Amino acid sequence: LDSLLAAEWVISFGTLAMFPRLMELTLEFGIMEGIIRFLPSIPGAVLVFTFMNKSIAEAVGSTMQTGIANYISTGRPPANHHYGWRDCYFFYRDSHYYPALRILIMYAVYRLLAQSFDVAALPMMVLLGTACVWLVGPILFCPQPTLWSIRDDLSEFWCFVIGTSNAERSVDLKEVNLEERLAARKEDATANLYDVWLFDKLKHKRAPMLARLMELLVAFLFLTVMLAVVFGTMVDQIRSVVLLVLVNYFILALWRVFGRPTILMMLSAGLWLCAVPLVLNSQSLGGQYGTLLVAFILTFQALSVVEKILLLCAWGLLRPDPDCASMPETTMEEVHQKREAARRVQTYDAVVEYFYLNFMSYQWHLYVSIMLLVANLGVQLGVALLEMLGGLQSWWLLGGKLRGGCCRLRRPEYKPPGNDHDPPTERRSQLSGPSSEGLRSRLGKGISYTVDGAEGAANTVRN
């Protein structure tokens, strides 16, 4: 482990990915000038290719799993187009944000457990740097950040996080499936966090049974391996987490009884933030953060397995047909069959939503979105300050011609070099010379001919 091969080479991301460009610069400008032009581009190449490689890997993995070649955003939008935090969440939540957070959580567990057992821990700088680039890359690449755009992005993303769900909208036989009534698309202005992830939860209704069984088997194997490798003291702390889950069940039951008031949902979300310090300071745990984190991970993995088993049982009992809206209804018997099929689908959708909320899936996504909001705010404030200090961000991202100025809150539009009162160039004179005059004269003659022809036709009709 003390050899040179065991060292973490951060620079390799940029140099390996940019090696073809180095060869091109060497052939065009020579060895020395090519290297001089290449070296300043290494930091930017490290960020860009670290982010794009994850997009490529996610696209390949998704294609292997589903057989469908979906497009994964590479983080290269138009250079003069400012996109918001809400758009970033839709683009990168599955491909970059959640994998990065899983890495950071696992590393936190690793460091806390190493601290609890008084053993050394590796820094893993490349791993942490990669995860951080996945999180902040879309904000670093976002052009034209200003204080006004930060205000608008913050307001838009917060409204998306706390938006009201469309799940309670009235039901008819044309929109039987719950996912058809949810506001879960980026183009929908009323889209909200609750509907987006509930829509993903309901996708399994159209999945084949073999795929669902394989998913359950993989989740169960993960839980079995996790229980086999942890200490018994960590498994014992699951009872503290289960107690918190039961308290959350009671709050959500009151939330349904009293007509889903927002205050009870906020109480459910704040329960975990207040209860975790109490559990940590309890006599049984003794302030061991690593042990509590492991207990949380084991509990939520067990809840995931239980949820999949219960949903499979509900599917076997109800046998919902997602395409029942297209069933014929020419006779009364067919109408009754269609209504019964719609009832089974709605019952199954209600079961999915119940587990989605009570098994902590929505709360987990809510906490993640709030953490992303804080991270985006901090990073983009720093980027906006850099832009105000001489346009450093626009110079790095867009080039010198589109570079902003010092202490400018609004960046003016780009104008080509030259004065508006300068005489036209020779090329412009050629383009606007005799050919354009001839075109104007031909257009004028054509218009006069058309008018004369119309007047002649009108006289003929009168006669």
Protein backbone atom coordinates (compact mmCIF):
# COMPACT_ATOMS: atom_id res chain seq x y z
CA LEU A 1 0.00 0.00 0.00
CA ASP A 2 2.99 2.34 0.33
CA SER A 3 3.88 2.03 -3.35
CA LEU A 4 3.37 4.75 -5.94
CA LEU A 5 0.55 2.81 -7.55
CA ALA A 6 -1.52 3.10 -4.35
CA ALA A 7 -1.50 6.92 -4.51
CA GLU A 8 -4.62 8.81 -5.58
CA TRP A 9 -3.99 10.57 -8.88
CA VAL A 10 -6.55 13.35 -9.19
CA ILE A 11 -4.85 14.79 -12.28
CA SER A 12 -5.40 11.60 -14.27
CA PHE A 13 -9.05 12.45 -14.93
CA GLY A 14 -8.14 15.52 -16.97
CA THR A 15 -4.99 14.30 -18.68
CA LEU A 16 -6.40 10.96 -19.85
CA ALA A 17 -9.66 12.41 -21.09
CA MET A 18 -7.92 15.33 -22.82
CA PHE A 19 -5.11 13.29 -24.36
CA PRO A 20 -6.59 13.47 -27.91
CA ARG A 21 -6.71 17.26 -27.62
CA LEU A 22 -3.07 17.30 -26.52
CA MET A 23 -2.12 15.38 -29.65
CA GLU A 24 -4.13 17.79 -31.79
CA LEU A 25 -2.49 20.85 -30.22
CA THR A 26 0.97 19.29 -30.63
CA LEU A 27 0.39 18.61 -34.32
CA GLU A 28 -0.99 22.10 -34.94
CA PHE A 29 1.33 24.31 -32.86
CA GLY A 30 4.31 22.13 -32.03
CA ILE A 31 5.33 20.32 -28.87
CA MET A 32 6.12 23.23 -26.54
CA GLU A 33 3.30 25.55 -27.57
CA GLY A 34 0.85 22.65 -27.60
CA ILE A 35 1.76 21.71 -24.02
CA ILE A 36 1.54 25.36 -22.93
CA ARG A 37 -1.94 25.64 -24.44
CA PHE A 38 -2.96 22.29 -22.94
CA LEU A 39 -1.95 22.79 -19.29
CA PRO A 40 -4.46 25.56 -18.43
CA SER A 41 -7.33 23.37 -19.66
CA ILE A 42 -6.65 20.50 -17.23
CA PRO A 43 -8.69 21.84 -14.23
CA GLY A 44 -11.74 22.44 -16.40
CA ALA A 45 -11.32 19.05 -18.08
CA VAL A 46 -11.26 17.33 -14.68
CA LEU A 47 -14.65 18.83 -13.80
CA VAL A 48 -16.29 18.37 -17.19
CA PHE A 49 -15.21 14.81 -17.86
CA THR A 50 -15.87 13.65 -14.30
CA PHE A 51 -19.45 14.82 -14.70
CA MET A 52 -19.90 13.55 -18.27
CA ASN A 53 -18.43 10.11 -17.50
CA LYS A 54 -21.19 9.61 -14.92
CA SER A 55 -23.80 10.56 -17.53
CA ILE A 56 -22.34 8.01 -19.94
CA ALA A 57 -22.17 5.30 -17.27
CA GLU A 58 -25.76 5.99 -16.20
CA ALA A 59 -26.97 5.78 -19.82
CA VAL A 60 -25.19 2.46 -20.38
CA GLY A 61 -26.47 1.01 -17.10
CA SER A 62 -30.04 2.12 -17.78
CA THR A 63 -29.95 0.62 -21.26
CA MET A 64 -28.65 -2.71 -19.94
CA GLN A 65 -31.34 -2.80 -17.26
CA THR A 66 -34.39 -1.69 -19.25
CA GLY A 67 -33.42 -2.30 -22.86
CA ILE A 68 -34.38 1.29 -23.73
CA ALA A 69 -31.74 3.83 -24.76
CA ASN A 70 -32.86 6.87 -22.77
CA TYR A 71 -31.08 10.21 -23.15
CA ILE A 72 -29.05 11.31 -20.13
CA SER A 73 -28.17 15.00 -19.97
CA THR A 74 -24.42 15.57 -20.21
CA GLY A 75 -24.42 18.98 -18.55
CA ARG A 76 -23.66 20.96 -21.72
CA PRO A 77 -26.63 23.26 -22.32
CA PRO A 78 -26.47 26.31 -24.64
CA ALA A 79 -23.79 28.65 -23.38
CA ASN A 80 -26.11 31.66 -23.21
CA HIS A 81 -29.05 29.85 -21.57
CA HIS A 82 -29.49 30.02 -17.79
CA TYR A 83 -31.28 26.99 -16.35
CA GLY A 84 -32.80 26.81 -12.87
CA TRP A 85 -32.30 24.49 -9.91
CA ARG A 86 -35.64 22.83 -10.58
CA ASP A 87 -34.48 21.84 -14.06
CA CYS A 88 -31.24 20.47 -12.60
CA TYR A 89 -33.25 18.30 -10.21
CA PHE A 90 -35.27 16.80 -13.06
CA PHE A 91 -32.17 16.23 -15.20
CA TYR A 92 -29.73 14.79 -12.65
CA ARG A 93 -31.66 13.44 -9.67
CA ASP A 94 -31.30 9.78 -10.69
CA SER A 95 -28.03 9.96 -12.60
CA HIS A 96 -25.88 12.20 -10.36
CA TYR A 97 -27.49 13.54 -7.18
CA TYR A 98 -28.59 10.37 -5.43
CA PRO A 99 -25.48 8.31 -6.33
CA ALA A 100 -23.32 11.15 -4.98
CA LEU A 101 -25.31 11.32 -1.75
CA ARG A 102 -25.04 7.55 -1.29
CA ILE A 103 -21.26 7.80 -1.62
CA LEU A 104 -21.06 10.66 0.88
CA ILE A 105 -23.29 8.83 3.38
CA MET A 106 -21.26 5.63 3.10
CA TYR A 107 -18.04 7.57 3.56
CA ALA A 108 -19.49 9.32 6.63
CA VAL A 109 -20.40 5.94 8.11
CA TYR A 110 -16.88 4.68 7.35
CA ARG A 111 -15.18 7.62 9.08
CA LEU A 112 -17.52 7.57 12.09
CA LEU A 113 -17.07 3.84 12.62
CA ALA A 114 -13.30 4.20 12.29
CA GLN A 115 -13.40 6.95 14.90
CA SER A 116 -15.58 4.86 17.23
CA PHE A 117 -13.22 1.87 17.08
CA ASP A 118 -10.01 3.96 17.14
CA VAL A 119 -8.68 2.76 13.80
CA ALA A 120 -7.18 4.70 10.88
CA ALA A 121 -9.27 5.68 7.87
CA LEU A 122 -8.24 6.44 4.29
CA PRO A 123 -8.95 9.97 3.01
CA MET A 124 -10.37 8.79 -0.36
CA MET A 125 -9.97 12.23 -1.91
CA VAL A 126 -10.71 11.09 -5.47
CA LEU A 127 -13.97 9.45 -4.40
CA LEU A 128 -15.10 12.48 -2.41
CA GLY A 129 -14.06 14.87 -5.17
CA THR A 130 -16.00 12.87 -7.73
CA ALA A 131 -19.14 12.85 -5.60
CA CYS A 132 -18.87 16.60 -4.97
CA VAL A 133 -18.50 17.28 -8.71
CA TRP A 134 -21.64 15.25 -9.38
CA LEU A 135 -23.50 17.42 -6.86
CA VAL A 136 -22.24 20.92 -7.77
CA GLY A 137 -21.34 20.37 -11.43
CA PRO A 138 -24.66 21.65 -12.85
CA ILE A 139 -24.35 24.85 -10.80
CA LEU A 140 -20.72 25.40 -11.79
CA PHE A 141 -21.59 24.99 -15.48
CA CYS A 142 -24.68 27.21 -15.30
CA PRO A 143 -23.95 30.46 -17.18
CA GLN A 144 -25.00 34.01 -16.30
CA PRO A 145 -25.62 33.70 -12.54
CA THR A 146 -26.85 36.89 -10.88
CA LEU A 147 -28.41 37.76 -7.56
CA TRP A 148 -31.78 38.07 -9.31
CA SER A 149 -31.47 34.64 -10.92
CA ILE A 150 -30.52 33.12 -7.55
CA ARG A 151 -33.63 34.66 -6.00
CA ASP A 152 -35.84 33.28 -8.77
CA ASP A 153 -34.23 29.82 -8.70
CA LEU A 154 -34.56 29.62 -4.92
CA SER A 155 -38.24 30.58 -5.01
CA GLU A 156 -39.02 28.18 -7.88
CA PHE A 157 -37.26 25.21 -6.31
CA TRP A 158 -38.77 25.81 -2.87
CA CYS A 159 -42.27 25.95 -4.36
CA PHE A 160 -41.48 22.67 -6.13
CA VAL A 161 -40.37 21.03 -2.87
CA ILE A 162 -43.41 22.03 -0.80
CA GLY A 163 -45.98 22.00 -3.62
CA THR A 164 -49.42 20.46 -3.11
CA SER A 165 -49.98 17.04 -4.64
CA ASN A 166 -52.60 16.34 -7.31
CA ALA A 167 -53.26 12.84 -5.94
CA GLU A 168 -56.56 13.95 -4.37
CA ARG A 169 -57.99 15.20 -7.64
CA SER A 170 -61.38 13.79 -8.69
CA VAL A 171 -61.32 10.44 -10.48
CA ASP A 172 -63.20 9.41 -13.63
CA LEU A 173 -63.13 6.35 -15.86
CA LYS A 174 -60.83 8.09 -18.35
CA GLU A 175 -58.06 8.68 -15.79
CA VAL A 176 -58.15 5.55 -13.68
CA ASN A 177 -54.43 5.30 -12.89
CA LEU A 178 -53.11 7.61 -10.22
CA GLU A 179 -49.99 8.45 -12.23
CA GLU A 180 -52.16 10.01 -14.92
CA ARG A 181 -53.36 12.68 -12.47
CA LEU A 182 -49.99 13.50 -10.92
CA ALA A 183 -48.04 16.64 -11.80
CA ALA A 184 -44.71 14.90 -12.35
CA ARG A 185 -43.36 16.31 -15.63
CA LYS A 186 -40.81 19.07 -15.94
CA GLU A 187 -42.98 20.93 -18.42
CA ASP A 188 -45.85 21.09 -15.90
CA ALA A 189 -45.70 24.34 -13.91
CA THR A 190 -47.53 22.67 -10.99
CA ALA A 191 -45.07 19.78 -10.70
CA ASN A 192 -44.04 19.02 -7.11
CA LEU A 193 -41.72 16.71 -5.24
CA TYR A 194 -44.47 14.49 -3.84
CA ASP A 195 -45.94 13.73 -7.27
CA VAL A 196 -42.58 13.21 -8.98
CA TRP A 197 -41.45 10.40 -6.71
CA LEU A 198 -44.92 8.89 -6.35
CA PHE A 199 -45.02 8.70 -10.14
CA ASP A 200 -41.76 6.73 -10.05
CA LYS A 201 -43.19 4.43 -7.38
CA LEU A 202 -46.16 3.59 -9.61
CA LYS A 203 -44.06 2.65 -12.63
CA HIS A 204 -43.72 -0.93 -11.45
CA LYS A 205 -47.38 -1.62 -12.30
CA ARG A 206 -46.41 -2.17 -15.94
CA ALA A 207 -43.24 -4.14 -15.14
CA PRO A 208 -43.25 -7.92 -15.70
CA MET A 209 -43.56 -10.13 -12.65
CA LEU A 210 -40.13 -11.68 -13.22
CA ALA A 211 -38.46 -8.27 -13.03
CA ARG A 212 -40.25 -7.48 -9.77
CA LEU A 213 -39.26 -10.81 -8.27
CA MET A 214 -35.63 -10.24 -9.25
CA GLU A 215 -35.74 -6.77 -7.68
CA LEU A 216 -37.10 -8.26 -4.45
CA LEU A 217 -34.43 -10.97 -4.47
CA VAL A 218 -31.62 -8.43 -4.92
CA ALA A 219 -32.96 -6.23 -2.11
CA PHE A 220 -33.26 -9.25 0.19
CA LEU A 221 -29.70 -10.35 -0.60
CA PHE A 222 -28.44 -6.86 0.18
CA LEU A 223 -30.21 -6.92 3.54
CA THR A 224 -28.85 -10.40 4.33
CA VAL A 225 -25.27 -9.37 3.56
CA MET A 226 -25.59 -6.16 5.57
CA LEU A 227 -26.92 -8.05 8.61
CA ALA A 228 -24.11 -10.58 8.30
CA VAL A 229 -21.23 -8.08 8.29
CA VAL A 230 -22.28 -5.63 11.04
CA PHE A 231 -21.80 -6.06 14.78
CA GLY A 232 -24.59 -7.20 17.06
CA THR A 233 -24.59 -3.87 18.93
CA MET A 234 -25.49 -2.11 15.69
CA VAL A 235 -28.40 -4.48 15.05
CA ASP A 236 -29.64 -3.90 18.62
CA GLN A 237 -30.04 -0.19 17.92
CA ILE A 238 -32.65 -0.91 15.25
CA ARG A 239 -35.28 -0.86 17.99
CA SER A 240 -34.62 2.87 18.55
CA VAL A 241 -35.14 3.59 14.85
CA VAL A 242 -38.27 1.41 14.74
CA LEU A 243 -39.70 3.41 17.67
CA LEU A 244 -39.22 6.62 15.66
CA VAL A 245 -40.90 4.99 12.65
CA LEU A 246 -43.91 4.07 14.80
CA VAL A 247 -44.19 7.64 16.11
CA ASN A 248 -44.08 8.83 12.51
CA TYR A 249 -46.89 6.36 11.69
CA PHE A 250 -49.03 7.90 14.41
CA ILE A 251 -48.45 11.46 13.13
CA LEU A 252 -49.30 10.44 9.55
CA ALA A 253 -52.48 8.71 10.77
CA LEU A 254 -53.55 11.97 12.39
CA TRP A 255 -52.62 13.76 9.16
CA ARG A 256 -55.07 11.62 7.20
CA VAL A 257 -57.83 11.87 9.82
CA PHE A 258 -57.73 15.68 9.96
CA GLY A 259 -57.76 16.21 6.19
CA ARG A 260 -54.02 16.32 5.45
CA PRO A 261 -53.04 19.61 7.12
CA THR A 262 -49.61 20.97 6.28
CA ILE A 263 -48.64 21.50 9.93
CA LEU A 264 -48.75 17.75 10.68
CA MET A 265 -46.63 16.97 7.61
CA MET A 266 -44.08 19.53 8.83
CA LEU A 267 -44.19 17.88 12.25
CA SER A 268 -43.50 14.51 10.65
CA ALA A 269 -40.54 15.94 8.75
CA GLY A 270 -39.13 17.69 11.82
CA LEU A 271 -39.53 14.63 14.04
CA TRP A 272 -36.33 13.03 12.81
CA LEU A 273 -34.24 16.16 13.16
CA CYS A 274 -35.29 16.52 16.80
CA ALA A 275 -35.28 12.84 17.75
CA VAL A 276 -31.85 11.88 16.41
CA PRO A 277 -29.90 14.02 18.95
CA LEU A 278 -32.03 12.57 21.77
CA VAL A 279 -31.28 9.02 20.65
CA LEU A 280 -27.57 9.80 20.31
CA ASN A 281 -27.34 11.18 23.83
CA SER A 282 -29.22 8.25 25.33
CA GLN A 283 -27.42 5.95 27.70
CA SER A 284 -27.77 2.91 25.42
CA LEU A 285 -26.01 4.53 22.44
CA GLY A 286 -23.46 6.75 24.15
CA GLY A 287 -23.14 9.26 21.30
CA GLN A 288 -21.88 6.79 18.66
CA TYR A 289 -22.94 8.40 15.40
CA GLY A 290 -21.65 5.55 13.25
CA THR A 291 -23.69 2.93 15.09
CA LEU A 292 -26.87 5.00 14.71
CA LEU A 293 -26.28 5.56 11.00
CA VAL A 294 -25.80 1.83 10.44
CA ALA A 295 -29.03 1.16 12.35
CA PHE A 296 -30.87 3.66 10.14
CA ILE A 297 -29.51 2.06 6.97
CA LEU A 298 -30.47 -1.45 8.13
CA THR A 299 -33.97 -0.32 9.12
CA PHE A 300 -34.72 1.42 5.84
CA GLN A 301 -33.37 -1.51 3.84
CA ALA A 302 -35.63 -3.84 5.82
CA LEU A 303 -38.59 -1.51 5.21
CA SER A 304 -37.81 -1.59 1.50
CA VAL A 305 -37.89 -5.39 1.47
CA VAL A 306 -41.14 -5.49 3.46
CA GLU A 307 -42.70 -2.93 1.12
CA LYS A 308 -41.82 -4.97 -1.97
CA ILE A 309 -43.27 -8.14 -0.40
CA LEU A 310 -46.51 -6.43 0.62
CA LEU A 311 -46.94 -4.82 -2.80
CA LEU A 312 -46.47 -8.19 -4.48
CA CYS A 313 -49.12 -9.67 -2.20
CA ALA A 314 -51.49 -6.78 -2.95
CA TRP A 315 -50.84 -7.24 -6.66
CA GLY A 316 -51.67 -10.95 -6.41
CA LEU A 317 -54.91 -10.26 -4.54
CA LEU A 318 -56.19 -7.31 -6.59
CA ARG A 319 -54.71 -8.11 -10.02
CA PRO A 320 -55.00 -4.47 -11.21
CA ASP A 321 -55.12 -3.78 -14.94
CA PRO A 322 -53.43 -0.43 -15.77
CA ASP A 323 -55.09 -0.44 -19.21
CA CYS A 324 -58.64 -0.88 -17.95
CA ALA A 325 -59.62 2.60 -19.19
CA SER A 326 -59.63 1.22 -22.75
CA MET A 327 -62.06 -1.60 -21.93
CA PRO A 328 -65.32 -1.53 -23.94
CA GLU A 329 -68.56 -0.40 -22.28
CA THR A 330 -71.24 -1.15 -24.85
CA THR A 331 -73.38 -3.23 -22.48
CA MET A 332 -74.23 -2.90 -18.79
CA GLU A 333 -72.18 -5.96 -17.97
CA GLU A 334 -69.11 -4.46 -19.63
CA VAL A 335 -69.68 -1.19 -17.75
CA HIS A 336 -69.79 -3.05 -14.43
CA GLN A 337 -66.61 -4.98 -15.35
CA LYS A 338 -64.86 -1.76 -16.25
CA ARG A 339 -65.87 -0.11 -13.00
CA GLU A 340 -64.72 -3.13 -11.02
CA ALA A 341 -61.35 -3.10 -12.81
CA ALA A 342 -61.01 0.63 -12.15
CA ARG A 343 -61.81 0.07 -8.47
CA ARG A 344 -59.05 -2.55 -8.19
CA VAL A 345 -56.54 -0.21 -9.84
CA GLN A 346 -57.48 2.67 -7.53
CA THR A 347 -57.22 0.44 -4.47
CA TYR A 348 -53.77 -0.75 -5.48
CA ASP A 349 -52.66 2.83 -6.17
CA ALA A 350 -53.87 3.82 -2.69
CA VAL A 351 -51.80 0.99 -1.18
CA VAL A 352 -48.71 2.16 -3.08
CA GLU A 353 -49.20 5.73 -1.89
CA TYR A 354 -49.70 4.54 1.69
CA PHE A 355 -46.39 2.67 1.72
CA TYR A 356 -44.68 5.53 -0.15
CA LEU A 357 -45.55 7.90 2.67
CA ASN A 358 -45.45 5.67 5.77
CA PHE A 359 -42.27 3.78 4.88
CA MET A 360 -40.31 7.07 4.79
CA SER A 361 -39.73 7.28 1.03
CA TYR A 362 -41.21 10.76 0.69
CA GLN A 363 -39.46 12.05 3.81
CA TRP A 364 -36.12 10.85 2.49
CA HIS A 365 -36.64 12.68 -0.81
CA LEU A 366 -37.78 15.77 1.08
CA TYR A 367 -34.58 15.87 3.16
CA VAL A 368 -32.44 15.32 0.07
CA SER A 369 -34.13 18.14 -1.83
CA ILE A 370 -33.62 20.54 1.09
CA MET A 371 -29.93 19.58 1.27
CA LEU A 372 -29.61 20.18 -2.47
CA LEU A 373 -31.30 23.56 -2.10
CA VAL A 374 -28.77 24.61 0.56
CA ALA A 375 -25.84 23.29 -1.51
CA ASN A 376 -27.04 25.03 -4.69
CA LEU A 377 -27.54 28.28 -2.82
CA GLY A 378 -24.05 28.24 -1.33
CA VAL A 379 -22.29 27.27 -4.56
CA GLN A 380 -24.16 29.68 -6.81
CA LEU A 381 -23.68 32.56 -4.40
CA GLY A 382 -19.94 31.91 -4.59
CA VAL A 383 -20.09 31.69 -8.38
CA ALA A 384 -22.09 34.93 -8.59
CA LEU A 385 -19.52 36.71 -6.41
CA LEU A 386 -16.75 35.46 -8.71
CA GLU A 387 -18.71 36.78 -11.66
CA MET A 388 -18.96 40.19 -9.98
CA LEU A 389 -15.19 40.22 -9.39
CA GLY A 390 -14.26 40.72 -13.02
CA GLY A 391 -16.45 38.12 -14.74
CA LEU A 392 -14.24 35.16 -13.79
CA GLN A 393 -16.97 32.53 -14.15
CA SER A 394 -18.14 33.70 -17.60
CA TRP A 395 -14.51 33.99 -18.75
CA TRP A 396 -13.81 30.41 -17.66
CA LEU A 397 -17.07 29.04 -19.06
CA LEU A 398 -17.85 31.16 -22.13
CA GLY A 399 -14.53 32.70 -23.13
CA GLY A 400 -13.05 36.16 -23.15
CA LYS A 401 -15.54 37.68 -25.62
CA LEU A 402 -18.48 36.94 -23.32
CA ARG A 403 -16.66 37.83 -20.13
CA GLY A 404 -18.52 40.00 -17.63
CA GLY A 405 -17.22 43.11 -15.93
CA CYS A 406 -16.21 44.09 -12.41
CA CYS A 407 -19.06 44.56 -9.89
CA ARG A 408 -21.76 44.16 -12.56
CA LEU A 409 -25.04 42.82 -11.28
CA ARG A 410 -26.39 42.45 -14.84
CA ARG A 411 -24.20 41.38 -17.73
CA PRO A 412 -24.82 43.28 -21.02
CA GLU A 413 -25.36 41.41 -24.24
CA TYR A 414 -22.42 40.63 -26.51
CA LYS A 415 -21.76 42.97 -29.46
CA PRO A 416 -19.23 42.32 -32.21
CA PRO A 417 -16.18 44.62 -32.29
CA GLY A 418 -16.55 47.99 -33.97
CA ASN A 419 -18.70 51.10 -33.70
CA ASP A 420 -22.30 51.42 -34.84
CA HIS A 421 -21.38 54.61 -36.77
CA ASP A 422 -18.44 53.04 -38.65
CA PRO A 423 -18.79 52.85 -42.48
CA PRO A 424 -19.83 49.44 -43.81
CA THR A 425 -17.11 46.98 -44.65
CA GLU A 426 -16.32 45.91 -48.18
CA ARG A 427 -18.06 42.57 -47.71
CA ARG A 428 -21.18 44.24 -46.36
CA SER A 429 -21.19 46.67 -49.29
CA GLN A 430 -21.00 43.75 -51.71
CA LEU A 431 -23.90 42.01 -49.99
CA SER A 432 -26.03 45.16 -50.02
CA GLY A 433 -24.90 46.33 -53.52
CA PRO A 434 -26.49 46.06 -56.97
CA SER A 435 -27.86 42.58 -56.37
CA SER A 436 -29.98 43.74 -53.47
CA GLU A 437 -31.09 46.83 -55.43
CA GLY A 438 -32.07 44.59 -58.35
CA LEU A 439 -33.99 42.37 -55.97
CA ARG A 440 -35.85 45.35 -54.57
CA SER A 441 -36.69 46.60 -58.09
CA ARG A 442 -37.90 43.16 -59.17
CA LEU A 443 -40.03 42.87 -56.05
CA GLY A 444 -41.49 46.33 -56.74
CA LYS A 445 -42.29 45.45 -60.35
CA GLY A 446 -43.82 42.19 -59.28
CA ILE A 447 -46.07 44.01 -56.85
CA SER A 448 -47.15 46.54 -59.50
CA TYR A 449 -47.84 43.74 -62.00
CA THR A 450 -49.92 41.99 -59.42
CA VAL A 451 -51.92 45.11 -58.67
CA ASP A 452 -52.51 45.82 -62.38
CA GLY A 453 -53.59 42.23 -62.96
CA ALA A 454 -56.04 42.41 -60.04
CA GLU A 455 -57.57 45.65 -61.40
CA GLY A 456 -57.97 44.08 -64.88
CA ALA A 457 -59.70 41.06 -63.43
CA ALA A 458 -62.06 43.28 -61.46
CA ASN A 459 -63.00 45.28 -64.62
CA THR A 460 -63.70 42.06 -66.49
CA VAL A 461 -66.04 40.89 -63.78
CA ARG A 462 -67.92 44.22 -63.85
CA ASN A 463 -68.36 44.07 -67.64
